Amino acid sequence: MLEFDTRCTIETARLRCPLCADPGGSSYFHSGRRRDYHRCPRCHLIHVPPSQHLPLEAERAEYDKHQNSPEDAGYREFLSRLFTPLNTRLSPCSHGLDFGSGPGPTLSVMFEEAGHQMNLFDPCYAPATDALTAQYDFITASEVVEHLHNPATELALIWSILKPGGWLGIMTKLALDRAAFSRWHYKDDPTHVCFFSSKTMDWLARQWQAEFLKFGKDVLLFQKPS
């Protein structure tokens, strides 16, 4: 059983944004039963204070509950929202990395079936850091960025190992306004600590000077400048 302090106290002090480190800090945005949420005025990232993150063991226990596998047709259909628009933009036999592949890697299998070579990295399930020293034609991060404790460092790493002209595919639910956020089930997952909005993705694209495409409500493709 997860242990939380259910007496969630609003932290009024401004917090350092873990994505852009805006010197003004992030201000209080919303408070739930178990956690507080702050929003950065610069990059618009909504984030949970580090003091309210799950301990590593409890976070891993939550991930272990996932029952995803390549044999699950429904899961494949879900991942196809990212697979299809990205695959159509890849050259044959491209080299890709599934960053945050999880306990049942499936997206990587789909790209291998399409003729691409895939590496995996996941801090819990595929922790071999050799995968982070290669250069890739494309990188996928499906339902990953909302889990990042240090998104500035982790996204910078991903971007650095993407080849010029390569594609980064991200799938994550995007935060809306305060009223919608207060009702949003996505914020209640205890392993979700960063919430990106369309404005946050616009900010990232500007920082990376990247081509930026959006598909549906939760799929985003960034092309690295050649």
Protein backbone atom coordinates (compact mmCIF):
# COMPACT_ATOMS: atom_id res chain seq x y z
CA MET A 1 0.00 0.00 0.00
CA LEU A 2 1.33 3.44 -0.89
CA GLU A 3 1.91 5.82 1.94
CA PHE A 4 0.91 9.45 1.47
CA ASP A 5 0.51 12.39 3.76
CA THR A 6 -3.13 13.11 2.94
CA ARG A 7 -2.91 16.48 4.65
CA CYS A 8 -1.79 18.14 1.44
CA THR A 9 -0.56 21.62 2.31
CA ILE A 10 -0.48 24.38 -0.29
CA GLU A 11 3.14 25.39 -0.75
CA THR A 12 2.99 29.14 -1.25
CA ALA A 13 6.72 29.61 -1.85
CA ARG A 14 7.67 29.71 -5.50
CA LEU A 15 9.41 26.57 -6.71
CA ARG A 16 12.20 26.26 -9.24
CA CYS A 17 10.82 25.02 -12.55
CA PRO A 18 12.44 21.64 -13.33
CA LEU A 19 12.25 22.32 -17.08
CA CYS A 20 13.33 25.91 -17.70
CA ALA A 21 14.62 26.98 -14.24
CA ASP A 22 12.85 30.33 -14.58
CA PRO A 23 14.44 32.64 -11.99
CA GLY A 24 11.03 33.89 -10.89
CA GLY A 25 9.99 30.38 -9.91
CA SER A 26 6.68 28.59 -10.39
CA SER A 27 3.57 29.67 -8.51
CA TYR A 28 0.80 27.64 -6.91
CA PHE A 29 -1.70 26.33 -9.46
CA HIS A 30 -3.86 23.64 -7.84
CA SER A 31 -4.03 21.46 -4.76
CA GLY A 32 -5.43 17.95 -4.62
CA ARG A 33 -6.06 15.61 -1.72
CA ARG A 34 -2.51 14.28 -1.78
CA ARG A 35 -0.36 16.69 -3.79
CA ASP A 36 0.19 20.29 -4.80
CA TYR A 37 0.75 21.50 -8.35
CA HIS A 38 2.72 24.57 -9.44
CA ARG A 39 2.90 26.19 -12.88
CA CYS A 40 5.85 27.96 -14.46
CA PRO A 41 5.04 31.37 -15.99
CA ARG A 42 7.80 30.97 -18.57
CA CYS A 43 7.45 27.46 -20.07
CA HIS A 44 3.99 26.73 -18.57
CA LEU A 45 5.04 23.33 -17.18
CA ILE A 46 2.83 22.20 -14.29
CA HIS A 47 4.83 20.18 -11.77
CA VAL A 48 4.59 18.50 -8.38
CA PRO A 49 7.05 19.59 -5.65
CA PRO A 50 9.92 17.10 -5.26
CA SER A 51 8.98 16.60 -1.61
CA GLN A 52 5.73 15.01 -2.80
CA HIS A 53 7.24 12.60 -5.32
CA LEU A 54 6.90 8.89 -4.61
CA PRO A 55 9.92 7.05 -3.21
CA LEU A 56 11.66 5.01 -5.90
CA GLU A 57 10.43 1.67 -4.52
CA ALA A 58 6.80 2.81 -4.49
CA GLU A 59 7.11 4.27 -7.97
CA ARG A 60 8.50 0.97 -9.30
CA ALA A 61 5.63 -0.90 -7.61
CA GLU A 62 3.15 1.24 -9.54
CA TYR A 63 4.90 0.49 -12.85
CA ASP A 64 4.90 -3.23 -12.04
CA LYS A 65 1.10 -3.14 -12.14
CA HIS A 66 1.13 -2.44 -15.89
CA GLN A 67 0.13 -5.43 -18.00
CA ASN A 68 1.27 -4.24 -21.43
CA SER A 69 2.65 -6.60 -24.06
CA PRO A 70 3.05 -6.88 -27.86
CA GLU A 71 0.31 -9.53 -27.88
CA ASP A 72 -2.28 -7.01 -26.66
CA ALA A 73 -4.09 -5.72 -29.75
CA GLY A 74 -5.69 -2.88 -27.81
CA TYR A 75 -2.34 -1.67 -26.57
CA ARG A 76 -0.94 -1.80 -30.10
CA GLU A 77 -3.88 0.29 -31.31
CA PHE A 78 -3.19 2.83 -28.57
CA LEU A 79 0.51 3.05 -29.54
CA SER A 80 -0.36 3.32 -33.24
CA ARG A 81 -1.31 6.95 -32.58
CA LEU A 82 2.42 7.61 -32.25
CA PHE A 83 3.75 4.80 -34.43
CA THR A 84 1.82 5.67 -37.61
CA PRO A 85 2.70 9.38 -38.07
CA LEU A 86 6.31 8.78 -37.03
CA ASN A 87 6.87 5.68 -39.16
CA THR A 88 5.67 7.46 -42.31
CA ARG A 89 8.47 10.01 -41.84
CA LEU A 90 11.32 7.52 -41.39
CA SER A 91 13.74 6.24 -43.99
CA PRO A 92 13.89 2.44 -44.40
CA CYS A 93 16.05 0.61 -41.83
CA SER A 94 16.31 3.59 -39.48
CA HIS A 95 17.89 3.23 -36.04
CA GLY A 96 15.62 4.14 -33.12
CA LEU A 97 15.55 4.29 -29.33
CA ASP A 98 12.47 3.61 -27.22
CA PHE A 99 13.18 5.80 -24.19
CA GLY A 100 11.18 4.67 -21.17
CA SER A 101 10.24 1.35 -22.76
CA GLY A 102 8.51 0.07 -19.61
CA PRO A 103 7.89 -3.46 -18.35
CA GLY A 104 6.34 -4.72 -21.61
CA PRO A 105 8.13 -3.13 -24.58
CA THR A 106 5.73 -3.00 -27.50
CA LEU A 107 6.33 0.17 -29.51
CA SER A 108 9.87 -1.04 -30.23
CA VAL A 109 8.46 -4.32 -31.53
CA MET A 110 6.13 -2.43 -33.87
CA PHE A 111 9.05 -0.46 -35.32
CA GLU A 112 11.15 -3.62 -35.67
CA GLU A 113 8.28 -5.25 -37.56
CA ALA A 114 8.38 -2.22 -39.88
CA GLY A 115 12.06 -2.94 -40.62
CA HIS A 116 13.82 -0.60 -38.20
CA GLN A 117 16.56 -1.37 -35.67
CA MET A 118 15.62 -0.56 -32.07
CA ASN A 119 17.42 -0.05 -28.77
CA LEU A 120 15.68 0.22 -25.40
CA PHE A 121 16.31 2.31 -22.33
CA ASP A 122 14.27 2.37 -19.14
CA PRO A 123 15.72 3.25 -15.73
CA CYS A 124 13.74 0.41 -14.11
CA TYR A 125 13.45 -2.29 -16.78
CA ALA A 126 16.23 -1.70 -19.33
CA PRO A 127 18.84 0.34 -17.43
CA ALA A 128 21.86 -0.34 -19.65
CA THR A 129 23.24 3.15 -20.23
CA ASP A 130 25.14 2.02 -23.34
CA ALA A 131 21.90 2.75 -25.20
CA LEU A 132 22.34 6.42 -24.32
CA THR A 133 25.75 6.73 -25.95
CA ALA A 134 24.65 6.00 -29.53
CA GLN A 135 23.14 8.41 -32.06
CA TYR A 136 19.64 7.76 -33.37
CA ASP A 137 17.53 8.54 -36.41
CA PHE A 138 14.47 8.65 -34.18
CA ILE A 139 13.56 8.41 -30.51
CA THR A 140 10.20 7.60 -28.95
CA ALA A 141 8.95 8.56 -25.49
CA SER A 142 5.45 7.16 -25.11
CA GLU A 143 3.72 8.05 -21.82
CA VAL A 144 7.14 8.97 -20.40
CA VAL A 145 7.64 12.72 -20.03
CA GLU A 146 4.98 13.04 -17.33
CA HIS A 147 7.15 10.77 -15.14
CA LEU A 148 10.39 12.75 -15.46
CA HIS A 149 11.76 14.12 -12.20
CA ASN A 150 14.42 16.20 -13.95
CA PRO A 151 12.92 16.99 -17.36
CA ALA A 152 15.53 19.61 -18.28
CA THR A 153 18.38 17.11 -17.93
CA GLU A 154 16.53 14.12 -19.34
CA LEU A 155 15.08 15.88 -22.37
CA ALA A 156 18.43 17.53 -23.10
CA LEU A 157 20.02 14.07 -23.10
CA ILE A 158 17.41 12.69 -25.48
CA TRP A 159 17.81 15.64 -27.83
CA SER A 160 21.62 15.34 -27.77
CA ILE A 161 21.60 11.73 -29.00
CA LEU A 162 19.16 12.44 -31.83
CA LYS A 163 20.88 12.86 -35.19
CA PRO A 164 20.40 16.09 -37.19
CA GLY A 165 17.22 15.69 -39.20
CA GLY A 166 16.01 12.99 -36.79
CA TRP A 167 12.59 12.78 -35.15
CA LEU A 168 11.56 12.72 -31.48
CA GLY A 169 8.08 11.31 -30.95
CA ILE A 170 6.33 12.10 -27.66
CA MET A 171 2.96 10.83 -26.51
CA THR A 172 1.50 12.41 -23.36
CA LYS A 173 -1.80 13.94 -22.33
CA LEU A 174 -1.63 17.74 -22.48
CA ALA A 175 -2.79 19.94 -19.64
CA LEU A 176 -5.55 22.47 -20.26
CA ASP A 177 -6.79 25.34 -18.09
CA ARG A 178 -7.13 25.39 -14.31
CA ALA A 179 -10.77 24.29 -14.30
CA ALA A 180 -10.11 21.32 -16.58
CA PHE A 181 -6.98 20.42 -14.61
CA SER A 182 -8.94 20.24 -11.35
CA ARG A 183 -11.15 17.50 -12.87
CA TRP A 184 -8.36 15.73 -14.79
CA HIS A 185 -7.78 12.08 -13.89
CA TYR A 186 -4.28 12.19 -15.39
CA LYS A 187 -2.97 14.40 -12.59
CA ASP A 188 -4.01 11.83 -9.98
CA ASP A 189 -1.60 9.11 -11.06
CA PRO A 190 1.00 9.22 -8.25
CA THR A 191 3.85 8.61 -10.72
CA HIS A 192 2.90 11.63 -12.87
CA VAL A 193 4.89 14.65 -11.69
CA CYS A 194 5.21 16.86 -14.80
CA PHE A 195 2.33 18.01 -16.99
CA PHE A 196 3.03 19.58 -20.36
CA SER A 197 0.64 21.88 -22.17
CA SER A 198 0.60 22.98 -25.79
CA LYS A 199 2.42 26.14 -24.65
CA THR A 200 5.11 24.00 -23.02
CA MET A 201 5.59 22.08 -26.24
CA ASP A 202 5.79 25.36 -28.18
CA TRP A 203 8.48 26.52 -25.73
CA LEU A 204 10.45 23.29 -26.23
CA ALA A 205 10.25 23.61 -30.00
CA ARG A 206 11.64 27.13 -29.80
CA GLN A 207 14.48 26.05 -27.54
CA TRP A 208 15.38 23.23 -29.89
CA GLN A 209 14.68 25.27 -33.05
CA ALA A 210 12.70 22.23 -34.09
CA GLU A 211 9.96 21.51 -36.58
CA PHE A 212 6.93 20.73 -34.43
CA LEU A 213 3.89 18.67 -35.49
CA LYS A 214 0.87 17.65 -33.42
CA PHE A 215 -1.43 14.71 -34.10
CA GLY A 216 -4.68 14.39 -32.19
CA LYS A 217 -4.66 15.43 -28.54
CA ASP A 218 -1.54 13.71 -27.29
CA VAL A 219 1.03 12.94 -30.02
CA LEU A 220 3.83 15.37 -30.84
CA LEU A 221 6.72 15.04 -33.29
CA PHE A 222 9.82 17.23 -33.17
CA GLN A 223 12.33 17.21 -36.02
CA LYS A 224 15.88 18.21 -35.16
CA PRO A 225 17.38 20.81 -37.50
CA SER A 226 19.72 19.31 -40.11
